[in-house]
Amino acid sequence: MKKALTIFIGLTVAGATLWAGLPGKPARSSYIGKRWMNFELNNGPSYKWEKLPDGGSIQYWRSDLARCCVGRYDGDGMGNLCALVVRLDKNKVIRQINVTEEGMACGTALR
C-alpha cells in the first residue's frame, strides 16, 4: 500500500510539473476533453508538434498560419492573432489549452 501511494504521489507530481511547464495562460474552451481532430476541422492544423514521453503530444497552433486552411481570420493579423499551446493525451484528446498570444481570433478558436 505504501509503495502504491508513493508511486501515485510521484506520478501526480510529475504530471503537475508537466502541466505547469506549458507556456502562456490556461484557457477555458469547449474543446477540452474532445479529440484534436474536432479542433483541426474547425480551426485548421497546428504548425508544429512535439511528442511527449507518455505518448501524448504538444500542438502549437496560430490563427495566422492556419488562415490558408480555414479562411476565417480577416485583417492584417494585428490584434487578431491567436497563438495556442495544446496538450493532448495519447488518444489525441485535448487535456489543456494555453494562450500564448491573445487576440480577437482566440474567441472564435476557443469557443
PDB file of N, CA and C in Angstrom:
ATOM      1  N   MET A   1       0.821  -1.191   0.000  1.00  0.00           N
ATOM      2  CA  MET A   1       0.000   0.000   0.000  1.00  0.00           C
ATOM      3  C   MET A   1       0.865   1.254   0.000  1.00  0.00           C
ATOM      4  N   LYS A   2       1.910   1.218   0.822  1.00  0.00           N
ATOM      5  CA  LYS A   2       2.806   2.368   0.921  1.00  0.00           C
ATOM      6  C   LYS A   2       3.508   2.613  -0.416  1.00  0.00           C
ATOM      7  N   LYS A   3       3.910   1.531  -1.079  1.00  0.00           N
ATOM      8  CA  LYS A   3       4.588   1.641  -2.374  1.00  0.00           C
ATOM      9  C   LYS A   3       3.640   2.222  -3.429  1.00  0.00           C
ATOM     10  N   ALA A   4       2.378   1.762  -3.435  1.00  0.00           N
ATOM     11  CA  ALA A   4       1.393   2.285  -4.394  1.00  0.00           C
ATOM     12  C   ALA A   4       1.146   3.771  -4.168  1.00  0.00           C
ATOM     13  N   LEU A   5       1.081   4.180  -2.904  1.00  0.00           N
ATOM     14  CA  LEU A   5       0.877   5.594  -2.579  1.00  0.00           C
ATOM     15  C   LEU A   5       2.069   6.424  -3.038  1.00  0.00           C
ATOM     16  N   THR A   6       3.274   5.914  -2.846  1.00  0.00           N
ATOM     17  CA  THR A   6       4.479   6.612  -3.287  1.00  0.00           C
ATOM     18  C   THR A   6       4.491   6.776  -4.801  1.00  0.00           C
ATOM     19  N   ILE A   7       4.114   5.722  -5.520  1.00  0.00           N
ATOM     20  CA  ILE A   7       4.060   5.793  -6.992  1.00  0.00           C
ATOM     21  C   ILE A   7       3.011   6.800  -7.423  1.00  0.00           C
ATOM     22  N   PHE A   8       1.823   6.778  -6.797  1.00  0.00           N
ATOM     23  CA  PHE A   8       0.757   7.716  -7.133  1.00  0.00           C
ATOM     24  C   PHE A   8       1.208   9.163  -6.912  1.00  0.00           C
ATOM     25  N   ILE A   9       1.847   9.419  -5.778  1.00  0.00           N
ATOM     26  CA  ILE A   9       2.325  10.781  -5.480  1.00  0.00           C
ATOM     27  C   ILE A   9       3.382  11.195  -6.497  1.00  0.00           C
ATOM     28  N   GLY A  10       4.267  10.274  -6.852  1.00  0.00           N
ATOM     29  CA  GLY A  10       5.297  10.569  -7.846  1.00  0.00           C
ATOM     30  C   GLY A  10       4.704  10.907  -9.198  1.00  0.00           C
ATOM     31  N   LEU A  11       3.713  10.143  -9.637  1.00  0.00           N
ATOM     32  CA  LEU A  11       3.058  10.413 -10.917  1.00  0.00           C
ATOM     33  C   LEU A  11       2.286  11.727 -10.873  1.00  0.00           C
ATOM     34  N   THR A  12       1.641  12.014  -9.752  1.00  0.00           N
ATOM     35  CA  THR A  12       0.893  13.267  -9.606  1.00  0.00           C
ATOM     36  C   THR A  12       1.835  14.458  -9.681  1.00  0.00           C
ATOM     37  N   VAL A  13       2.961  14.385  -8.998  1.00  0.00           N
ATOM     38  CA  VAL A  13       3.936  15.478  -9.031  1.00  0.00           C
ATOM     39  C   VAL A  13       4.508  15.633 -10.432  1.00  0.00           C
ATOM     40  N   ALA A  14       4.827  14.534 -11.096  1.00  0.00           N
ATOM     41  CA  ALA A  14       5.359  14.599 -12.463  1.00  0.00           C
ATOM     42  C   ALA A  14       4.327  15.211 -13.402  1.00  0.00           C
ATOM     43  N   GLY A  15       3.077  14.804 -13.269  1.00  0.00           N
ATOM     44  CA  GLY A  15       2.007  15.349 -14.105  1.00  0.00           C
ATOM     45  C   GLY A  15       1.802  16.827 -13.863  1.00  0.00           C
ATOM     46  N   ALA A  16       1.824  17.244 -12.604  1.00  0.00           N
ATOM     47  CA  ALA A  16       1.649  18.665 -12.276  1.00  0.00           C
ATOM     48  C   ALA A  16       2.796  19.489 -12.837  1.00  0.00           C
ATOM     49  N   THR A  17       4.000  18.946 -12.798  1.00  0.00           N
ATOM     50  CA  THR A  17       5.149  19.658 -13.360  1.00  0.00           C
ATOM     51  C   THR A  17       4.989  19.827 -14.861  1.00  0.00           C
ATOM     52  N   LEU A  18       4.532  18.779 -15.542  1.00  0.00           N
ATOM     53  CA  LEU A  18       4.331  18.850 -16.989  1.00  0.00           C
ATOM     54  C   LEU A  18       3.266  19.885 -17.325  1.00  0.00           C
ATOM     55  N   TRP A  19       2.140  19.859 -16.593  1.00  0.00           N
ATOM     56  CA  TRP A  19       1.050  20.804 -16.863  1.00  0.00           C
ATOM     57  C   TRP A  19       1.510  22.219 -16.605  1.00  0.00           C
ATOM     58  N   ALA A  20       2.242  22.421 -15.527  1.00  0.00           N
ATOM     59  CA  ALA A  20       2.688  23.761 -15.169  1.00  0.00           C
ATOM     60  C   ALA A  20       3.766  24.255 -16.135  1.00  0.00           C
ATOM     61  N   GLY A  21       4.413  23.334 -16.850  1.00  0.00           N
ATOM     62  CA  GLY A  21       5.500  23.701 -17.738  1.00  0.00           C
ATOM     63  C   GLY A  21       5.075  24.288 -19.079  1.00  0.00           C
ATOM     64  N   LEU A  22       3.783  24.262 -19.406  1.00  0.00           N
ATOM     65  CA  LEU A  22       3.342  24.827 -20.680  1.00  0.00           C
ATOM     66  C   LEU A  22       3.401  26.341 -20.627  1.00  0.00           C
ATOM     67  N   PRO A  23       3.864  26.969 -21.707  1.00  0.00           N
ATOM     68  CA  PRO A  23       3.908  28.439 -21.726  1.00  0.00           C
ATOM     69  C   PRO A  23       2.504  29.034 -21.853  1.00  0.00           C
ATOM     70  N   GLY A  24       2.360  30.302 -21.498  1.00  0.00           N
ATOM     71  CA  GLY A  24       1.090  31.008 -21.652  1.00  0.00           C
ATOM     72  C   GLY A  24       0.181  30.824 -20.454  1.00  0.00           C
ATOM     73  N   LYS A  25      -1.048  31.317 -20.613  1.00  0.00           N
ATOM     74  CA  LYS A  25      -2.015  31.195 -19.515  1.00  0.00           C
ATOM     75  C   LYS A  25      -3.115  30.213 -19.904  1.00  0.00           C
ATOM     76  N   PRO A  26      -3.592  29.426 -18.934  1.00  0.00           N
ATOM     77  CA  PRO A  26      -4.631  28.430 -19.225  1.00  0.00           C
ATOM     78  C   PRO A  26      -5.898  29.084 -19.786  1.00  0.00           C
ATOM     79  N   ALA A  27      -6.507  28.406 -20.733  1.00  0.00           N
ATOM     80  CA  ALA A  27      -7.728  28.903 -21.369  1.00  0.00           C
ATOM     81  C   ALA A  27      -8.884  27.972 -21.071  1.00  0.00           C
ATOM     82  N   ARG A  28     -10.078  28.536 -21.050  1.00  0.00           N
ATOM     83  CA  ARG A  28     -11.291  27.728 -20.960  1.00  0.00           C
ATOM     84  C   ARG A  28     -11.824  27.564 -22.368  1.00  0.00           C
ATOM     85  N   SER A  29     -12.211  26.336 -22.692  1.00  0.00           N
ATOM     86  CA  SER A  29     -12.675  26.058 -24.041  1.00  0.00           C
ATOM     87  C   SER A  29     -13.573  24.828 -24.041  1.00  0.00           C
ATOM     88  N   SER A  30     -14.524  24.815 -24.961  1.00  0.00           N
ATOM     89  CA  SER A  30     -15.384  23.633 -25.103  1.00  0.00           C
ATOM     90  C   SER A  30     -14.622  22.468 -25.738  1.00  0.00           C
ATOM     91  N   TYR A  31     -13.420  22.719 -26.261  1.00  0.00           N
ATOM     92  CA  TYR A  31     -12.636  21.652 -26.881  1.00  0.00           C
ATOM     93  C   TYR A  31     -11.930  20.768 -25.861  1.00  0.00           C
ATOM     94  N   ILE A  32     -11.765  21.229 -24.643  1.00  0.00           N
ATOM     95  CA  ILE A  32     -11.075  20.420 -23.637  1.00  0.00           C
ATOM     96  C   ILE A  32     -11.916  19.174 -23.367  1.00  0.00           C
ATOM     97  N   GLY A  33     -11.260  18.021 -23.470  1.00  0.00           N
ATOM     98  CA  GLY A  33     -11.954  16.743 -23.310  1.00  0.00           C
ATOM     99  C   GLY A  33     -12.432  16.155 -24.631  1.00  0.00           C
ATOM    100  N   LYS A  34     -12.226  16.892 -25.723  1.00  0.00           N
ATOM    101  CA  LYS A  34     -12.625  16.397 -27.049  1.00  0.00           C
ATOM    102  C   LYS A  34     -11.381  16.075 -27.872  1.00  0.00           C
ATOM    103  N   ARG A  35     -11.590  15.350 -28.951  1.00  0.00           N
ATOM    104  CA  ARG A  35     -10.466  14.935 -29.792  1.00  0.00           C
ATOM    105  C   ARG A  35      -9.884  16.127 -30.564  1.00  0.00           C
ATOM    106  N   TRP A  36      -8.577  16.077 -30.791  1.00  0.00           N
ATOM    107  CA  TRP A  36      -7.859  17.135 -31.504  1.00  0.00           C
ATOM    108  C   TRP A  36      -8.427  17.346 -32.899  1.00  0.00           C
ATOM    109  N   MET A  37      -8.897  16.279 -33.524  1.00  0.00           N
ATOM    110  CA  MET A  37      -9.438  16.367 -34.875  1.00  0.00           C
ATOM    111  C   MET A  37     -10.599  17.375 -34.934  1.00  0.00           C
ATOM    112  N   ASN A  38     -11.410  17.454 -33.897  1.00  0.00           N
ATOM    113  CA  ASN A  38     -12.513  18.420 -33.872  1.00  0.00           C
ATOM    114  C   ASN A  38     -11.992  19.849 -33.963  1.00  0.00           C
ATOM    115  N   PHE A  39     -10.941  20.136 -33.214  1.00  0.00           N
ATOM    116  CA  PHE A  39     -10.336  21.467 -33.254  1.00  0.00           C
ATOM    117  C   PHE A  39      -9.773  21.758 -34.640  1.00  0.00           C
ATOM    118  N   GLU A  40      -9.029  20.797 -35.195  1.00  0.00           N
ATOM    119  CA  GLU A  40      -8.418  20.988 -36.515  1.00  0.00           C
ATOM    120  C   GLU A  40      -9.450  21.200 -37.618  1.00  0.00           C
ATOM    121  N   LEU A  41     -10.528  20.465 -37.575  1.00  0.00           N
ATOM    122  CA  LEU A  41     -11.560  20.621 -38.601  1.00  0.00           C
ATOM    123  C   LEU A  41     -12.165  22.017 -38.587  1.00  0.00           C
ATOM    124  N   ASN A  42     -12.311  22.600 -37.411  1.00  0.00           N
ATOM    125  CA  ASN A  42     -12.908  23.928 -37.286  1.00  0.00           C
ATOM    126  C   ASN A  42     -11.916  25.073 -37.421  1.00  0.00           C
ATOM    127  N   ASN A  43     -10.655  24.839 -37.089  1.00  0.00           N
ATOM    128  CA  ASN A  43      -9.692  25.939 -36.996  1.00  0.00           C
ATOM    129  C   ASN A  43      -8.430  25.769 -37.833  1.00  0.00           C
ATOM    130  N   GLY A  44      -8.227  24.634 -38.422  1.00  0.00           N
ATOM    131  CA  GLY A  44      -7.020  24.409 -39.202  1.00  0.00           C
ATOM    132  C   GLY A  44      -5.970  23.667 -38.389  1.00  0.00           C
ATOM    133  N   PRO A  45      -4.931  23.177 -39.057  1.00  0.00           N
ATOM    134  CA  PRO A  45      -3.921  22.335 -38.410  1.00  0.00           C
ATOM    135  C   PRO A  45      -2.921  23.143 -37.579  1.00  0.00           C
ATOM    136  N   SER A  46      -2.221  22.430 -36.727  1.00  0.00           N
ATOM    137  CA  SER A  46      -1.132  23.045 -35.971  1.00  0.00           C
ATOM    138  C   SER A  46       0.051  23.233 -36.918  1.00  0.00           C
ATOM    139  N   TYR A  47       0.966  24.113 -36.543  1.00  0.00           N
ATOM    140  CA  TYR A  47       2.146  24.340 -37.387  1.00  0.00           C
ATOM    141  C   TYR A  47       3.362  23.596 -36.861  1.00  0.00           C
ATOM    142  N   LYS A  48       3.259  23.072 -35.631  1.00  0.00           N
ATOM    143  CA  LYS A  48       4.393  22.382 -35.029  1.00  0.00           C
ATOM    144  C   LYS A  48       3.850  21.472 -33.926  1.00  0.00           C
ATOM    145  N   TRP A  49       4.524  20.365 -33.678  1.00  0.00           N
ATOM    146  CA  TRP A  49       4.129  19.496 -32.582  1.00  0.00           C
ATOM    147  C   TRP A  49       5.342  18.807 -32.001  1.00  0.00           C
ATOM    148  N   GLU A  50       5.199  18.375 -30.741  1.00  0.00           N
ATOM    149  CA  GLU A  50       6.251  17.639 -30.044  1.00  0.00           C
ATOM    150  C   GLU A  50       5.636  16.406 -29.394  1.00  0.00           C
ATOM    151  N   LYS A  51       6.297  15.288 -29.526  1.00  0.00           N
ATOM    152  CA  LYS A  51       5.857  14.041 -28.890  1.00  0.00           C
ATOM    153  C   LYS A  51       6.319  14.045 -27.438  1.00  0.00           C
ATOM    154  N   LEU A  52       5.467  13.588 -26.525  1.00  0.00           N
ATOM    155  CA  LEU A  52       5.794  13.509 -25.110  1.00  0.00           C
ATOM    156  C   LEU A  52       6.124  12.067 -24.725  1.00  0.00           C
ATOM    157  N   PRO A  53       6.918  11.869 -23.663  1.00  0.00           N
ATOM    158  CA  PRO A  53       7.287  10.515 -23.241  1.00  0.00           C
ATOM    159  C   PRO A  53       6.085   9.634 -22.882  1.00  0.00           C
ATOM    160  N   ASP A  54       4.976  10.238 -22.426  1.00  0.00           N
ATOM    161  CA  ASP A  54       3.808   9.441 -22.033  1.00  0.00           C
ATOM    162  C   ASP A  54       2.931   9.044 -23.224  1.00  0.00           C
ATOM    163  N   GLY A  55       3.364   9.388 -24.450  1.00  0.00           N
ATOM    164  CA  GLY A  55       2.607   9.047 -25.643  1.00  0.00           C
ATOM    165  C   GLY A  55       1.723  10.181 -26.143  1.00  0.00           C
ATOM    166  N   GLY A  56       1.548  11.214 -25.320  1.00  0.00           N
ATOM    167  CA  GLY A  56       0.772  12.387 -25.725  1.00  0.00           C
ATOM    168  C   GLY A  56       1.607  13.301 -26.600  1.00  0.00           C
ATOM    169  N   SER A  57       1.102  14.505 -26.831  1.00  0.00           N
ATOM    170  CA  SER A  57       1.855  15.470 -27.627  1.00  0.00           C
ATOM    171  C   SER A  57       1.461  16.891 -27.245  1.00  0.00           C
ATOM    172  N   ILE A  58       2.300  17.818 -27.665  1.00  0.00           N
ATOM    173  CA  ILE A  58       2.034  19.241 -27.523  1.00  0.00           C
ATOM    174  C   ILE A  58       1.867  19.777 -28.937  1.00  0.00           C
ATOM    175  N   GLN A  59       0.751  20.431 -29.214  1.00  0.00           N
ATOM    176  CA  GLN A  59       0.473  21.028 -30.520  1.00  0.00           C
ATOM    177  C   GLN A  59       0.596  22.542 -30.403  1.00  0.00           C
ATOM    178  N   TYR A  60       1.224  23.166 -31.376  1.00  0.00           N
ATOM    179  CA  TYR A  60       1.348  24.627 -31.427  1.00  0.00           C
ATOM    180  C   TYR A  60       0.496  25.118 -32.590  1.00  0.00           C
ATOM    181  N   TRP A  61      -0.417  26.014 -32.303  1.00  0.00           N
ATOM    182  CA  TRP A  61      -1.372  26.494 -33.310  1.00  0.00           C
ATOM    183  C   TRP A  61      -1.389  28.013 -33.311  1.00  0.00           C
ATOM    184  N   ARG A  62      -1.427  28.611 -34.511  1.00  0.00           N
ATOM    185  CA  ARG A  62      -1.551  30.073 -34.655  1.00  0.00           C
ATOM    186  C   ARG A  62      -2.585  30.383 -35.720  1.00  0.00           C
ATOM    187  N   SER A  63      -3.415  31.371 -35.432  1.00  0.00           N
ATOM    188  CA  SER A  63      -4.503  31.716 -36.346  1.00  0.00           C
ATOM    189  C   SER A  63      -3.991  32.207 -37.696  1.00  0.00           C
ATOM    190  N   ASP A  64      -2.881  32.948 -37.696  1.00  0.00           N
ATOM    191  CA  ASP A  64      -2.385  33.469 -38.973  1.00  0.00           C
ATOM    192  C   ASP A  64      -1.805  32.373 -39.859  1.00  0.00           C
ATOM    193  N   LEU A  65      -1.252  31.330 -39.273  1.00  0.00           N
ATOM    194  CA  LEU A  65      -0.693  30.235 -40.066  1.00  0.00           C
ATOM    195  C   LEU A  65      -1.779  29.255 -40.520  1.00  0.00           C
ATOM    196  N   ALA A  66      -2.874  29.162 -39.781  1.00  0.00           N
ATOM    197  CA  ALA A  66      -3.983  28.287 -40.165  1.00  0.00           C
ATOM    198  C   ALA A  66      -4.916  28.974 -41.156  1.00  0.00           C
ATOM    199  N   ARG A  67      -4.695  30.250 -41.398  1.00  0.00           N
ATOM    200  CA  ARG A  67      -5.573  31.057 -42.260  1.00  0.00           C
ATOM    201  C   ARG A  67      -5.782  30.417 -43.637  1.00  0.00           C
ATOM    202  N   CYS A  68      -4.748  29.860 -44.183  1.00  0.00           N
ATOM    203  CA  CYS A  68      -4.865  29.260 -45.512  1.00  0.00           C
ATOM    204  C   CYS A  68      -5.835  28.086 -45.517  1.00  0.00           C
ATOM    205  N   CYS A  69      -5.999  27.471 -44.380  1.00  0.00           N
ATOM    206  CA  CYS A  69      -6.835  26.269 -44.290  1.00  0.00           C
ATOM    207  C   CYS A  69      -8.279  26.572 -43.939  1.00  0.00           C
ATOM    208  N   VAL A  70      -8.539  27.689 -43.284  1.00  0.00           N
ATOM    209  CA  VAL A  70      -9.887  27.984 -42.836  1.00  0.00           C
ATOM    210  C   VAL A  70     -10.471  29.225 -43.466  1.00  0.00           C
ATOM    211  N   GLY A  71      -9.655  30.232 -43.730  1.00  0.00           N
ATOM    212  CA  GLY A  71     -10.155  31.461 -44.313  1.00  0.00           C
ATOM    213  C   GLY A  71     -11.070  32.231 -43.384  1.00  0.00           C
ATOM    214  N   ARG A  72     -10.950  32.026 -42.102  1.00  0.00           N
ATOM    215  CA  ARG A  72     -11.849  32.626 -41.139  1.00  0.00           C
ATOM    216  C   ARG A  72     -11.312  33.944 -40.573  1.00  0.00           C
ATOM    217  N   TYR A  73     -10.028  34.137 -40.575  1.00  0.00           N
ATOM    218  CA  TYR A  73      -9.421  35.275 -39.895  1.00  0.00           C
ATOM    219  C   TYR A  73      -9.061  36.368 -40.888  1.00  0.00           C
ATOM    220  N   ASP A  74      -9.814  37.446 -40.880  1.00  0.00           N
ATOM    221  CA  ASP A  74      -9.605  38.555 -41.803  1.00  0.00           C
ATOM    222  C   ASP A  74      -8.728  39.627 -41.167  1.00  0.00           C
ATOM    223  N   GLY A  75      -8.294  40.557 -41.994  1.00  0.00           N
ATOM    224  CA  GLY A  75      -7.499  41.670 -41.496  1.00  0.00           C
ATOM    225  C   GLY A  75      -6.023  41.404 -41.654  1.00  0.00           C
ATOM    226  N   ASP A  76      -5.241  42.308 -41.108  1.00  0.00           N
ATOM    227  CA  ASP A  76      -3.791  42.214 -41.252  1.00  0.00           C
ATOM    228  C   ASP A  76      -3.149  41.335 -40.196  1.00  0.00           C
ATOM    229  N   GLY A  77      -3.943  40.783 -39.307  1.00  0.00           N
ATOM    230  CA  GLY A  77      -3.407  39.908 -38.277  1.00  0.00           C
ATOM    231  C   GLY A  77      -3.040  40.639 -37.004  1.00  0.00           C
ATOM    232  N   MET A  78      -2.878  41.942 -37.063  1.00  0.00           N
ATOM    233  CA  MET A  78      -2.533  42.703 -35.868  1.00  0.00           C
ATOM    234  C   MET A  78      -3.764  42.813 -34.978  1.00  0.00           C
ATOM    235  N   GLY A  79      -3.650  42.363 -33.756  1.00  0.00           N
ATOM    236  CA  GLY A  79      -4.762  42.383 -32.833  1.00  0.00           C
ATOM    237  C   GLY A  79      -5.747  41.247 -33.068  1.00  0.00           C
ATOM    238  N   ASN A  80      -5.550  40.519 -34.139  1.00  0.00           N
ATOM    239  CA  ASN A  80      -6.441  39.406 -34.450  1.00  0.00           C
ATOM    240  C   ASN A  80      -5.694  38.079 -34.363  1.00  0.00           C
ATOM    241  N   LEU A  81      -4.472  38.113 -33.871  1.00  0.00           N
ATOM    242  CA  LEU A  81      -3.657  36.906 -33.788  1.00  0.00           C
ATOM    243  C   LEU A  81      -4.005  36.122 -32.533  1.00  0.00           C
ATOM    244  N   CYS A  82      -4.065  34.826 -32.671  1.00  0.00           N
ATOM    245  CA  CYS A  82      -4.253  33.926 -31.534  1.00  0.00           C
ATOM    246  C   CYS A  82      -3.215  32.820 -31.651  1.00  0.00           C
ATOM    247  N   ALA A  83      -2.457  32.613 -30.590  1.00  0.00           N
ATOM    248  CA  ALA A  83      -1.472  31.531 -30.566  1.00  0.00           C
ATOM    249  C   ALA A  83      -1.766  30.650 -29.355  1.00  0.00           C
ATOM    250  N   LEU A  84      -1.851  29.341 -29.604  1.00  0.00           N
ATOM    251  CA  LEU A  84      -2.210  28.383 -28.567  1.00  0.00           C
ATOM    252  C   LEU A  84      -1.182  27.268 -28.460  1.00  0.00           C
ATOM    253  N   VAL A  85      -1.023  26.758 -27.253  1.00  0.00           N
ATOM    254  CA  VAL A  85      -0.260  25.553 -26.991  1.00  0.00           C
ATOM    255  C   VAL A  85      -1.260  24.561 -26.415  1.00  0.00           C
ATOM    256  N   VAL A  86      -1.399  23.419 -27.075  1.00  0.00           N
ATOM    257  CA  VAL A  86      -2.442  22.457 -26.720  1.00  0.00           C
ATOM    258  C   VAL A  86      -1.790  21.135 -26.330  1.00  0.00           C
ATOM    259  N   ARG A  87      -2.136  20.641 -25.136  1.00  0.00           N
ATOM    260  CA  ARG A  87      -1.607  19.349 -24.689  1.00  0.00           C
ATOM    261  C   ARG A  87      -2.645  18.271 -24.954  1.00  0.00           C
ATOM    262  N   LEU A  88      -2.196  17.216 -25.647  1.00  0.00           N
ATOM    263  CA  LEU A  88      -3.055  16.076 -25.962  1.00  0.00           C
ATOM    264  C   LEU A  88      -2.576  14.846 -25.198  1.00  0.00           C
ATOM    265  N   ASP A  89      -3.502  13.968 -24.831  1.00  0.00           N
ATOM    266  CA  ASP A  89      -3.083  12.700 -24.250  1.00  0.00           C
ATOM    267  C   ASP A  89      -2.749  11.723 -25.381  1.00  0.00           C
ATOM    268  N   LYS A  90      -2.419  10.500 -25.035  1.00  0.00           N
ATOM    269  CA  LYS A  90      -2.006   9.525 -26.058  1.00  0.00           C
ATOM    270  C   LYS A  90      -3.124   9.165 -27.021  1.00  0.00           C
ATOM    271  N   ASN A  91      -4.372   9.453 -26.670  1.00  0.00           N
ATOM    272  CA  ASN A  91      -5.513   9.172 -27.545  1.00  0.00           C
ATOM    273  C   ASN A  91      -5.926  10.393 -28.366  1.00  0.00           C
ATOM    274  N   LYS A  92      -5.093  11.426 -28.360  1.00  0.00           N
ATOM    275  CA  LYS A  92      -5.332  12.673 -29.109  1.00  0.00           C
ATOM    276  C   LYS A  92      -6.538  13.453 -28.568  1.00  0.00           C
ATOM    277  N   VAL A  93      -6.795  13.311 -27.270  1.00  0.00           N
ATOM    278  CA  VAL A  93      -7.844  14.078 -26.605  1.00  0.00           C
ATOM    279  C   VAL A  93      -7.203  15.303 -25.962  1.00  0.00           C
ATOM    280  N   ILE A  94      -7.805  16.470 -26.142  1.00  0.00           N
ATOM    281  CA  ILE A  94      -7.266  17.722 -25.610  1.00  0.00           C
ATOM    282  C   ILE A  94      -7.423  17.732 -24.089  1.00  0.00           C
ATOM    283  N   ARG A  95      -6.323  17.909 -23.389  1.00  0.00           N
ATOM    284  CA  ARG A  95      -6.324  17.947 -21.935  1.00  0.00           C
ATOM    285  C   ARG A  95      -6.086  19.351 -21.389  1.00  0.00           C
ATOM    286  N   GLN A  96      -5.390  20.192 -22.137  1.00  0.00           N
ATOM    287  CA  GLN A  96      -5.120  21.556 -21.676  1.00  0.00           C
ATOM    288  C   GLN A  96      -4.854  22.448 -22.876  1.00  0.00           C
ATOM    289  N   ILE A  97      -5.322  23.686 -22.794  1.00  0.00           N
ATOM    290  CA  ILE A  97      -5.039  24.687 -23.815  1.00  0.00           C
ATOM    291  C   ILE A  97      -4.518  25.928 -23.105  1.00  0.00           C
ATOM    292  N   ASN A  98      -3.358  26.406 -23.541  1.00  0.00           N
ATOM    293  CA  ASN A  98      -2.803  27.653 -23.021  1.00  0.00           C
ATOM    294  C   ASN A  98      -2.718  28.668 -24.148  1.00  0.00           C
ATOM    295  N   VAL A  99      -3.019  29.916 -23.841  1.00  0.00           N
ATOM    296  CA  VAL A  99      -2.935  31.009 -24.811  1.00  0.00           C
ATOM    297  C   VAL A  99      -1.594  31.696 -24.631  1.00  0.00           C
ATOM    298  N   THR A 100      -0.800  31.793 -25.717  1.00  0.00           N
ATOM    299  CA  THR A 100       0.484  32.489 -25.650  1.00  0.00           C
ATOM    300  C   THR A 100       0.424  33.861 -26.307  1.00  0.00           C
ATOM    301  N   GLU A 101      -0.500  34.067 -27.247  1.00  0.00           N
ATOM    302  CA  GLU A 101      -0.769  35.390 -27.831  1.00  0.00           C
ATOM    303  C   GLU A 101      -2.270  35.506 -27.988  1.00  0.00           C
ATOM    304  N   GLU A 102      -2.850  36.515 -27.347  1.00  0.00           N
ATOM    305  CA  GLU A 102      -4.307  36.611 -27.316  1.00  0.00           C
ATOM    306  C   GLU A 102      -4.808  37.783 -28.145  1.00  0.00           C
ATOM    307  N   GLY A 103      -5.641  37.470 -29.113  1.00  0.00           N
ATOM    308  CA  GLY A 103      -6.296  38.475 -29.941  1.00  0.00           C
ATOM    309  C   GLY A 103      -7.736  38.076 -30.167  1.00  0.00           C
ATOM    310  N   MET A 104      -8.424  38.799 -31.016  1.00  0.00           N
ATOM    311  CA  MET A 104      -9.837  38.523 -31.254  1.00  0.00           C
ATOM    312  C   MET A 104     -10.072  37.122 -31.810  1.00  0.00           C
ATOM    313  N   ALA A 105      -9.120  36.595 -32.544  1.00  0.00           N
ATOM    314  CA  ALA A 105      -9.282  35.259 -33.121  1.00  0.00           C
ATOM    315  C   ALA A 105      -9.390  34.172 -32.057  1.00  0.00           C
ATOM    316  N   CYS A 106      -8.887  34.433 -30.857  1.00  0.00           N
ATOM    317  CA  CYS A 106      -8.974  33.426 -29.793  1.00  0.00           C
ATOM    318  C   CYS A 106     -10.421  33.138 -29.410  1.00  0.00           C
ATOM    319  N   GLY A 107     -11.257  34.160 -29.451  1.00  0.00           N
ATOM    320  CA  GLY A 107     -12.664  33.950 -29.129  1.00  0.00           C
ATOM    321  C   GLY A 107     -13.320  32.965 -30.069  1.00  0.00           C
ATOM    322  N   THR A 108     -12.972  33.046 -31.338  1.00  0.00           N
ATOM    323  CA  THR A 108     -13.518  32.128 -32.332  1.00  0.00           C
ATOM    324  C   THR A 108     -12.888  30.744 -32.208  1.00  0.00           C
ATOM    325  N   ALA A 109     -11.582  30.696 -32.014  1.00  0.00           N
ATOM    326  CA  ALA A 109     -10.875  29.408 -31.968  1.00  0.00           C
ATOM    327  C   ALA A 109     -11.222  28.603 -30.725  1.00  0.00           C
ATOM    328  N   LEU A 110     -11.427  29.254 -29.588  1.00  0.00           N
ATOM    329  CA  LEU A 110     -11.628  28.538 -28.336  1.00  0.00           C
ATOM    330  C   LEU A 110     -13.076  28.252 -27.990  1.00  0.00           C
ATOM    331  N   ARG A 111     -13.999  28.887 -28.664  1.00  0.00           N
ATOM    332  CA  ARG A 111     -15.428  28.819 -28.314  1.00  0.00           C
ATOM    333  C   ARG A 111     -15.863  27.648 -27.514  1.00  0.00           C
TER     334      ARG A 111
END
